[in-house]
PDB file of N, CA and C in Angstrom:
ATOM      1  N   UNK A   1       0.842  -1.171   0.000  1.00  0.00           N
ATOM      2  CA  UNK A   1       0.000   0.000   0.000  1.00  0.00           C
ATOM      3  C   UNK A   1       0.891   1.239   0.000  1.00  0.00           C
ATOM      4  N   UNK A   2       1.457   1.558  -1.133  1.00  0.00           N
ATOM      5  CA  UNK A   2       2.255   2.774  -1.236  1.00  0.00           C
ATOM      6  C   UNK A   2       1.316   3.916  -1.608  1.00  0.00           C
ATOM      7  N   UNK A   3       0.513   4.267  -0.675  1.00  0.00           N
ATOM      8  CA  UNK A   3      -0.552   5.225  -0.864  1.00  0.00           C
ATOM      9  C   UNK A   3      -0.318   6.405   0.075  1.00  0.00           C
ATOM     10  N   UNK A   4      -0.671   7.614  -0.337  1.00  0.00           N
ATOM     11  CA  UNK A   4      -0.509   8.749   0.585  1.00  0.00           C
ATOM     12  C   UNK A   4      -1.383   8.627   1.829  1.00  0.00           C
ATOM     13  N   UNK A   5      -2.408   7.801   1.790  1.00  0.00           N
ATOM     14  CA  UNK A   5      -3.289   7.616   2.942  1.00  0.00           C
ATOM     15  C   UNK A   5      -2.755   6.561   3.913  1.00  0.00           C
ATOM     16  N   UNK A   6      -1.637   5.953   3.572  1.00  0.00           N
ATOM     17  CA  UNK A   6      -1.067   4.901   4.415  1.00  0.00           C
ATOM     18  C   UNK A   6      -0.788   5.403   5.830  1.00  0.00           C
ATOM     19  N   UNK A   7      -0.258   6.604   5.935  1.00  0.00           N
ATOM     20  CA  UNK A   7       0.029   7.188   7.243  1.00  0.00           C
ATOM     21  C   UNK A   7      -1.230   7.365   8.080  1.00  0.00           C
ATOM     22  N   UNK A   8      -2.316   7.776   7.431  1.00  0.00           N
ATOM     23  CA  UNK A   8      -3.578   7.939   8.147  1.00  0.00           C
ATOM     24  C   UNK A   8      -4.107   6.601   8.644  1.00  0.00           C
ATOM     25  N   UNK A   9      -3.981   5.576   7.808  1.00  0.00           N
ATOM     26  CA  UNK A   9      -4.453   4.247   8.195  1.00  0.00           C
ATOM     27  C   UNK A   9      -3.630   3.717   9.371  1.00  0.00           C
ATOM     28  N   UNK A  10      -2.320   3.903   9.316  1.00  0.00           N
ATOM     29  CA  UNK A  10      -1.470   3.455  10.423  1.00  0.00           C
ATOM     30  C   UNK A  10      -1.767   4.223  11.708  1.00  0.00           C
ATOM     31  N   UNK A  11      -1.989   5.518  11.586  1.00  0.00           N
ATOM     32  CA  UNK A  11      -2.348   6.333  12.757  1.00  0.00           C
ATOM     33  C   UNK A  11      -3.646   5.834  13.381  1.00  0.00           C
ATOM     34  N   UNK A  12      -4.618   5.554  12.523  1.00  0.00           N
ATOM     35  CA  UNK A  12      -5.904   5.051  12.993  1.00  0.00           C
ATOM     36  C   UNK A  12      -5.735   3.722  13.718  1.00  0.00           C
ATOM     37  N   UNK A  13      -4.963   2.819  13.135  1.00  0.00           N
ATOM     38  CA  UNK A  13      -4.743   1.507  13.743  1.00  0.00           C
ATOM     39  C   UNK A  13      -4.065   1.634  15.104  1.00  0.00           C
ATOM     40  N   UNK A  14      -3.042   2.479  15.182  1.00  0.00           N
ATOM     41  CA  UNK A  14      -2.329   2.668  16.450  1.00  0.00           C
ATOM     42  C   UNK A  14      -3.237   3.286  17.510  1.00  0.00           C
ATOM     43  N   UNK A  15      -4.030   4.268  17.122  1.00  0.00           N
ATOM     44  CA  UNK A  15      -4.949   4.886  18.076  1.00  0.00           C
ATOM     45  C   UNK A  15      -5.983   3.896  18.581  1.00  0.00           C
ATOM     46  N   UNK A  16      -6.502   3.083  17.679  1.00  0.00           N
ATOM     47  CA  UNK A  16      -7.489   2.084  18.094  1.00  0.00           C
ATOM     48  C   UNK A  16      -6.852   1.033  18.999  1.00  0.00           C
ATOM     49  N   UNK A  17      -5.629   0.615  18.688  1.00  0.00           N
ATOM     50  CA  UNK A  17      -4.942  -0.332  19.567  1.00  0.00           C
ATOM     51  C   UNK A  17      -4.754   0.254  20.961  1.00  0.00           C
ATOM     52  N   UNK A  18      -4.393   1.514  21.023  1.00  0.00           N
ATOM     53  CA  UNK A  18      -4.194   2.179  22.308  1.00  0.00           C
ATOM     54  C   UNK A  18      -5.508   2.244  23.097  1.00  0.00           C
ATOM     55  N   UNK A  19      -6.585   2.602  22.421  1.00  0.00           N
ATOM     56  CA  UNK A  19      -7.877   2.692  23.092  1.00  0.00           C
ATOM     57  C   UNK A  19      -8.420   1.323  23.484  1.00  0.00           C
ATOM     58  N   UNK A  20      -7.996   0.291  22.799  1.00  0.00           N
ATOM     59  CA  UNK A  20      -8.471  -1.055  23.087  1.00  0.00           C
ATOM     60  C   UNK A  20      -7.972  -1.626  24.395  1.00  0.00           C
ATOM     61  N   UNK A  21      -7.007  -0.965  25.014  1.00  0.00           N
ATOM     62  CA  UNK A  21      -6.466  -1.454  26.290  1.00  0.00           C
ATOM     63  C   UNK A  21      -7.534  -1.535  27.368  1.00  0.00           C
ATOM     64  N   UNK A  22      -8.478  -0.606  27.350  1.00  0.00           N
ATOM     65  CA  UNK A  22      -9.494  -0.522  28.394  1.00  0.00           C
ATOM     66  C   UNK A  22     -10.838  -1.078  27.957  1.00  0.00           C
ATOM     67  N   UNK A  23     -10.883  -1.814  26.868  1.00  0.00           N
ATOM     68  CA  UNK A  23     -12.157  -2.324  26.363  1.00  0.00           C
ATOM     69  C   UNK A  23     -12.771  -3.293  27.361  1.00  0.00           C
ATOM     70  N   UNK A  24     -14.076  -3.195  27.611  1.00  0.00           N
ATOM     71  CA  UNK A  24     -14.710  -4.037  28.634  1.00  0.00           C
ATOM     72  C   UNK A  24     -14.559  -5.542  28.429  1.00  0.00           C
ATOM     73  N   UNK A  25     -14.536  -6.011  27.203  1.00  0.00           N
ATOM     74  CA  UNK A  25     -14.419  -7.452  26.958  1.00  0.00           C
ATOM     75  C   UNK A  25     -12.979  -7.934  26.937  1.00  0.00           C
ATOM     76  N   UNK A  26     -12.048  -7.028  27.099  1.00  0.00           N
ATOM     77  CA  UNK A  26     -10.643  -7.418  27.158  1.00  0.00           C
ATOM     78  C   UNK A  26      -9.841  -6.952  25.963  1.00  0.00           C
ATOM     79  N   UNK A  27      -8.558  -6.819  26.196  1.00  0.00           N
ATOM     80  CA  UNK A  27      -7.649  -6.335  25.163  1.00  0.00           C
ATOM     81  C   UNK A  27      -7.519  -7.320  24.011  1.00  0.00           C
ATOM     82  N   UNK A  28      -7.410  -8.602  24.330  1.00  0.00           N
ATOM     83  CA  UNK A  28      -7.216  -9.593  23.269  1.00  0.00           C
ATOM     84  C   UNK A  28      -8.452  -9.673  22.364  1.00  0.00           C
ATOM     85  N   UNK A  29      -9.635  -9.580  22.945  1.00  0.00           N
ATOM     86  CA  UNK A  29     -10.870  -9.587  22.146  1.00  0.00           C
ATOM     87  C   UNK A  29     -10.873  -8.397  21.186  1.00  0.00           C
ATOM     88  N   UNK A  30     -10.555  -7.222  21.718  1.00  0.00           N
ATOM     89  CA  UNK A  30     -10.551  -6.017  20.900  1.00  0.00           C
ATOM     90  C   UNK A  30      -9.505  -6.101  19.799  1.00  0.00           C
ATOM     91  N   UNK A  31      -8.315  -6.582  20.137  1.00  0.00           N
ATOM     92  CA  UNK A  31      -7.224  -6.677  19.169  1.00  0.00           C
ATOM     93  C   UNK A  31      -7.588  -7.616  18.015  1.00  0.00           C
ATOM     94  N   UNK A  32      -8.214  -8.743  18.329  1.00  0.00           N
ATOM     95  CA  UNK A  32      -8.618  -9.678  17.268  1.00  0.00           C
ATOM     96  C   UNK A  32      -9.672  -9.070  16.354  1.00  0.00           C
ATOM     97  N   UNK A  33     -10.649  -8.382  16.941  1.00  0.00           N
ATOM     98  CA  UNK A  33     -11.696  -7.743  16.139  1.00  0.00           C
ATOM     99  C   UNK A  33     -11.101  -6.635  15.268  1.00  0.00           C
ATOM    100  N   UNK A  34     -10.171  -5.880  15.825  1.00  0.00           N
ATOM    101  CA  UNK A  34      -9.528  -4.801  15.080  1.00  0.00           C
ATOM    102  C   UNK A  34      -8.730  -5.360  13.908  1.00  0.00           C
ATOM    103  N   UNK A  35      -7.958  -6.402  14.166  1.00  0.00           N
ATOM    104  CA  UNK A  35      -7.151  -7.013  13.114  1.00  0.00           C
ATOM    105  C   UNK A  35      -8.046  -7.566  12.008  1.00  0.00           C
ATOM    106  N   UNK A  36      -9.136  -8.213  12.384  1.00  0.00           N
ATOM    107  CA  UNK A  36     -10.067  -8.763  11.397  1.00  0.00           C
ATOM    108  C   UNK A  36     -10.651  -7.655  10.525  1.00  0.00           C
ATOM    109  N   UNK A  37     -11.043  -6.548  11.155  1.00  0.00           N
ATOM    110  CA  UNK A  37     -11.630  -5.434  10.408  1.00  0.00           C
ATOM    111  C   UNK A  37     -10.628  -4.836   9.421  1.00  0.00           C
ATOM    112  N   UNK A  38      -9.393  -4.672   9.847  1.00  0.00           N
ATOM    113  CA  UNK A  38      -8.390  -4.088   8.952  1.00  0.00           C
ATOM    114  C   UNK A  38      -7.991  -5.070   7.847  1.00  0.00           C
ATOM    115  N   UNK A  39      -7.891  -6.334   8.165  1.00  0.00           N
ATOM    116  CA  UNK A  39      -7.521  -7.329   7.152  1.00  0.00           C
ATOM    117  C   UNK A  39      -8.623  -7.498   6.108  1.00  0.00           C
ATOM    118  N   UNK A  40      -9.866  -7.315   6.515  1.00  0.00           N
ATOM    119  CA  UNK A  40     -10.986  -7.432   5.590  1.00  0.00           C
ATOM    120  C   UNK A  40     -10.893  -6.359   4.503  1.00  0.00           C
ATOM    121  N   UNK A  41     -10.347  -5.221   4.845  1.00  0.00           N
ATOM    122  CA  UNK A  41     -10.286  -4.100   3.906  1.00  0.00           C
ATOM    123  C   UNK A  41      -8.888  -3.845   3.360  1.00  0.00           C
ATOM    124  N   UNK A  42      -7.990  -4.806   3.491  1.00  0.00           N
ATOM    125  CA  UNK A  42      -6.595  -4.573   3.095  1.00  0.00           C
ATOM    126  C   UNK A  42      -6.393  -4.421   1.590  1.00  0.00           C
ATOM    127  N   UNK A  43      -7.296  -4.956   0.778  1.00  0.00           N
ATOM    128  CA  UNK A  43      -7.115  -4.918  -0.674  1.00  0.00           C
ATOM    129  C   UNK A  43      -7.751  -3.696  -1.332  1.00  0.00           C
ATOM    130  N   UNK A  44      -8.328  -2.819  -0.561  1.00  0.00           N
ATOM    131  CA  UNK A  44      -8.964  -1.626  -1.126  1.00  0.00           C
ATOM    132  C   UNK A  44      -7.886  -0.625  -1.509  1.00  0.00           C
ATOM    133  N   UNK A  45      -7.945  -0.154  -2.757  1.00  0.00           N
ATOM    134  CA  UNK A  45      -6.940   0.781  -3.256  1.00  0.00           C
ATOM    135  C   UNK A  45      -7.532   2.132  -3.646  1.00  0.00           C
ATOM    136  N   UNK A  46      -8.843   2.220  -3.741  1.00  0.00           N
ATOM    137  CA  UNK A  46      -9.500   3.472  -4.113  1.00  0.00           C
ATOM    138  C   UNK A  46      -9.369   4.490  -2.978  1.00  0.00           C
ATOM    139  N   UNK A  47      -8.727   5.631  -3.241  1.00  0.00           N
ATOM    140  CA  UNK A  47      -8.521   6.628  -2.172  1.00  0.00           C
ATOM    141  C   UNK A  47      -9.816   7.124  -1.524  1.00  0.00           C
ATOM    142  N   UNK A  48     -10.883   7.225  -2.304  1.00  0.00           N
ATOM    143  CA  UNK A  48     -12.159   7.678  -1.744  1.00  0.00           C
ATOM    144  C   UNK A  48     -12.707   6.668  -0.740  1.00  0.00           C
ATOM    145  N   UNK A  49     -12.632   5.385  -1.081  1.00  0.00           N
ATOM    146  CA  UNK A  49     -13.111   4.347  -0.165  1.00  0.00           C
ATOM    147  C   UNK A  49     -12.243   4.288   1.087  1.00  0.00           C
ATOM    148  N   UNK A  50     -10.948   4.442   0.901  1.00  0.00           N
ATOM    149  CA  UNK A  50     -10.035   4.422   2.053  1.00  0.00           C
ATOM    150  C   UNK A  50     -10.347   5.595   2.972  1.00  0.00           C
ATOM    151  N   UNK A  51     -10.587   6.762   2.393  1.00  0.00           N
ATOM    152  CA  UNK A  51     -10.911   7.945   3.192  1.00  0.00           C
ATOM    153  C   UNK A  51     -12.212   7.738   3.975  1.00  0.00           C
ATOM    154  N   UNK A  52     -13.215   7.120   3.340  1.00  0.00           N
ATOM    155  CA  UNK A  52     -14.475   6.834   4.030  1.00  0.00           C
ATOM    156  C   UNK A  52     -14.257   5.867   5.187  1.00  0.00           C
ATOM    157  N   UNK A  53     -13.423   4.863   4.965  1.00  0.00           N
ATOM    158  CA  UNK A  53     -13.145   3.892   6.025  1.00  0.00           C
ATOM    159  C   UNK A  53     -12.370   4.531   7.177  1.00  0.00           C
ATOM    160  N   UNK A  54     -11.448   5.433   6.855  1.00  0.00           N
ATOM    161  CA  UNK A  54     -10.703   6.140   7.901  1.00  0.00           C
ATOM    162  C   UNK A  54     -11.654   7.028   8.704  1.00  0.00           C
ATOM    163  N   UNK A  55     -12.573   7.700   8.016  1.00  0.00           N
ATOM    164  CA  UNK A  55     -13.562   8.526   8.715  1.00  0.00           C
ATOM    165  C   UNK A  55     -14.447   7.669   9.619  1.00  0.00           C
ATOM    166  N   UNK A  56     -14.805   6.502   9.152  1.00  0.00           N
ATOM    167  CA  UNK A  56     -15.593   5.573   9.971  1.00  0.00           C
ATOM    168  C   UNK A  56     -14.790   5.130  11.195  1.00  0.00           C
ATOM    169  N   UNK A  57     -13.508   4.904  11.010  1.00  0.00           N
ATOM    170  CA  UNK A  57     -12.641   4.543  12.126  1.00  0.00           C
ATOM    171  C   UNK A  57     -12.528   5.667  13.142  1.00  0.00           C
ATOM    172  N   UNK A  58     -12.470   6.906  12.660  1.00  0.00           N
ATOM    173  CA  UNK A  58     -12.440   8.050  13.575  1.00  0.00           C
ATOM    174  C   UNK A  58     -13.736   8.127  14.384  1.00  0.00           C
ATOM    175  N   UNK A  59     -14.851   7.780  13.761  1.00  0.00           N
ATOM    176  CA  UNK A  59     -16.125   7.743  14.477  1.00  0.00           C
ATOM    177  C   UNK A  59     -16.096   6.676  15.568  1.00  0.00           C
ATOM    178  N   UNK A  60     -15.502   5.532  15.269  1.00  0.00           N
ATOM    179  CA  UNK A  60     -15.374   4.464  16.264  1.00  0.00           C
ATOM    180  C   UNK A  60     -14.517   4.944  17.436  1.00  0.00           C
ATOM    181  N   UNK A  61     -13.472   5.697  17.150  1.00  0.00           N
ATOM    182  CA  UNK A  61     -12.627   6.248  18.217  1.00  0.00           C
ATOM    183  C   UNK A  61     -13.453   7.153  19.127  1.00  0.00           C
ATOM    184  N   UNK A  62     -14.266   8.012  18.535  1.00  0.00           N
ATOM    185  CA  UNK A  62     -15.108   8.906  19.335  1.00  0.00           C
ATOM    186  C   UNK A  62     -16.097   8.113  20.189  1.00  0.00           C
ATOM    187  N   UNK A  63     -16.657   7.049  19.631  1.00  0.00           N
ATOM    188  CA  UNK A  63     -17.598   6.220  20.391  1.00  0.00           C
ATOM    189  C   UNK A  63     -16.895   5.516  21.551  1.00  0.00           C
ATOM    190  N   UNK A  64     -15.688   5.026  21.318  1.00  0.00           N
ATOM    191  CA  UNK A  64     -14.939   4.381  22.394  1.00  0.00           C
ATOM    192  C   UNK A  64     -14.599   5.369  23.501  1.00  0.00           C
ATOM    193  N   UNK A  65     -14.193   6.568  23.119  1.00  0.00           N
ATOM    194  CA  UNK A  65     -13.885   7.588  24.120  1.00  0.00           C
ATOM    195  C   UNK A  65     -15.122   7.928  24.938  1.00  0.00           C
ATOM    196  N   UNK A  66     -16.284   8.011  24.285  1.00  0.00           N
ATOM    197  CA  UNK A  66     -17.529   8.280  25.008  1.00  0.00           C
ATOM    198  C   UNK A  66     -17.862   7.133  25.958  1.00  0.00           C
ATOM    199  N   UNK A  67     -17.651   5.906  25.514  1.00  0.00           N
ATOM    200  CA  UNK A  67     -17.900   4.738  26.357  1.00  0.00           C
ATOM    201  C   UNK A  67     -17.019   4.775  27.597  1.00  0.00           C
ATOM    202  N   UNK A  68     -15.755   5.075  27.437  1.00  0.00           N
ATOM    203  CA  UNK A  68     -14.830   5.117  28.563  1.00  0.00           C
ATOM    204  C   UNK A  68     -15.155   6.271  29.507  1.00  0.00           C
ATOM    205  N   UNK A  69     -15.515   7.420  28.935  1.00  0.00           N
ATOM    206  CA  UNK A  69     -15.874   8.563  29.760  1.00  0.00           C
ATOM    207  C   UNK A  69     -17.107   8.250  30.600  1.00  0.00           C
ATOM    208  N   UNK A  70     -18.095   7.632  29.986  1.00  0.00           N
ATOM    209  CA  UNK A  70     -19.319   7.271  30.700  1.00  0.00           C
ATOM    210  C   UNK A  70     -19.031   6.272  31.814  1.00  0.00           C
ATOM    211  N   UNK A  71     -18.171   5.317  31.539  1.00  0.00           N
ATOM    212  CA  UNK A  71     -17.815   4.326  32.554  1.00  0.00           C
ATOM    213  C   UNK A  71     -17.109   4.986  33.735  1.00  0.00           C
ATOM    214  N   UNK A  72     -16.208   5.914  33.451  1.00  0.00           N
ATOM    215  CA  UNK A  72     -15.510   6.629  34.523  1.00  0.00           C
ATOM    216  C   UNK A  72     -16.477   7.509  35.309  1.00  0.00           C
ATOM    217  N   UNK A  73     -17.409   8.150  34.605  1.00  0.00           N
ATOM    218  CA  UNK A  73     -18.395   8.993  35.266  1.00  0.00           C
ATOM    219  C   UNK A  73     -19.256   8.168  36.216  1.00  0.00           C
ATOM    220  N   UNK A  74     -19.709   7.022  35.756  1.00  0.00           N
ATOM    221  CA  UNK A  74     -20.539   6.160  36.607  1.00  0.00           C
ATOM    222  C   UNK A  74     -19.774   5.668  37.823  1.00  0.00           C
ATOM    223  N   UNK A  75     -18.517   5.345  37.666  1.00  0.00           N
ATOM    224  CA  UNK A  75     -17.706   4.888  38.792  1.00  0.00           C
ATOM    225  C   UNK A  75     -17.526   6.021  39.802  1.00  0.00           C
ATOM    226  N   UNK A  76     -17.267   7.226  39.325  1.00  0.00           N
ATOM    227  CA  UNK A  76     -17.110   8.367  40.229  1.00  0.00           C
ATOM    228  C   UNK A  76     -18.423   8.671  40.947  1.00  0.00           C
ATOM    229  N   UNK A  77     -19.516   8.620  40.217  1.00  0.00           N
ATOM    230  CA  UNK A  77     -20.817   8.895  40.813  1.00  0.00           C
ATOM    231  C   UNK A  77     -21.147   7.866  41.883  1.00  0.00           C
ATOM    232  N   UNK A  78     -20.859   6.620  41.602  1.00  0.00           N
ATOM    233  CA  UNK A  78     -21.118   5.548  42.558  1.00  0.00           C
ATOM    234  C   UNK A  78     -20.238   5.710  43.802  1.00  0.00           C
ATOM    235  N   UNK A  79     -19.039   6.153  43.607  1.00  0.00           N
ATOM    236  CA  UNK A  79     -18.085   6.285  44.704  1.00  0.00           C
ATOM    237  C   UNK A  79     -18.401   7.474  45.606  1.00  0.00           C
ATOM    238  N   UNK A  80     -18.805   8.603  45.027  1.00  0.00           N
ATOM    239  CA  UNK A  80     -18.906   9.832  45.799  1.00  0.00           C
ATOM    240  C   UNK A  80     -20.317  10.313  46.102  1.00  0.00           C
ATOM    241  N   UNK A  81     -21.283   9.801  45.418  1.00  0.00           N
ATOM    242  CA  UNK A  81     -22.652  10.238  45.673  1.00  0.00           C
ATOM    243  C   UNK A  81     -23.368   9.224  46.561  1.00  0.00           C
ATOM    244  N   UNK A  82     -24.265   9.738  47.355  1.00  0.00           N
ATOM    245  CA  UNK A  82     -25.044   8.852  48.214  1.00  0.00           C
ATOM    246  C   UNK A  82     -26.043   8.079  47.365  1.00  0.00           C
ATOM    247  N   UNK A  83     -26.272   6.844  47.683  1.00  0.00           N
ATOM    248  CA  UNK A  83     -27.274   6.078  46.941  1.00  0.00           C
ATOM    249  C   UNK A  83     -28.672   6.631  47.211  1.00  0.00           C
ATOM    250  N   UNK A  84     -29.456   6.700  46.175  1.00  0.00           N
ATOM    251  CA  UNK A  84     -30.833   7.198  46.316  1.00  0.00           C
ATOM    252  C   UNK A  84     -31.737   6.040  46.682  1.00  0.00           C
ATOM    253  N   UNK A  85     -32.571   6.257  47.696  1.00  0.00           N
ATOM    254  CA  UNK A  85     -33.491   5.193  48.125  1.00  0.00           C
ATOM    255  C   UNK A  85     -34.878   5.495  47.709  1.00  0.00           C
TER     256      UNK A  85
END
């Protein structure tokens, strides 16, 4: 893939791997799913399709960040707020 978008794809993969460390089902589960998703699309050479897939990956990053933020918020709320009866 000697494509100008190669750097973007690698950046996306590295960011997703980093975010996968805290995935609720485990790091290995996330890593396998990530690898499968990237390998499924490895033969795509059209720059427009690659750009769409990278944008979709960025959306997944935002969703993961929201998931982690919500989990941290719930843990803090449970820890510091009184339970409502």
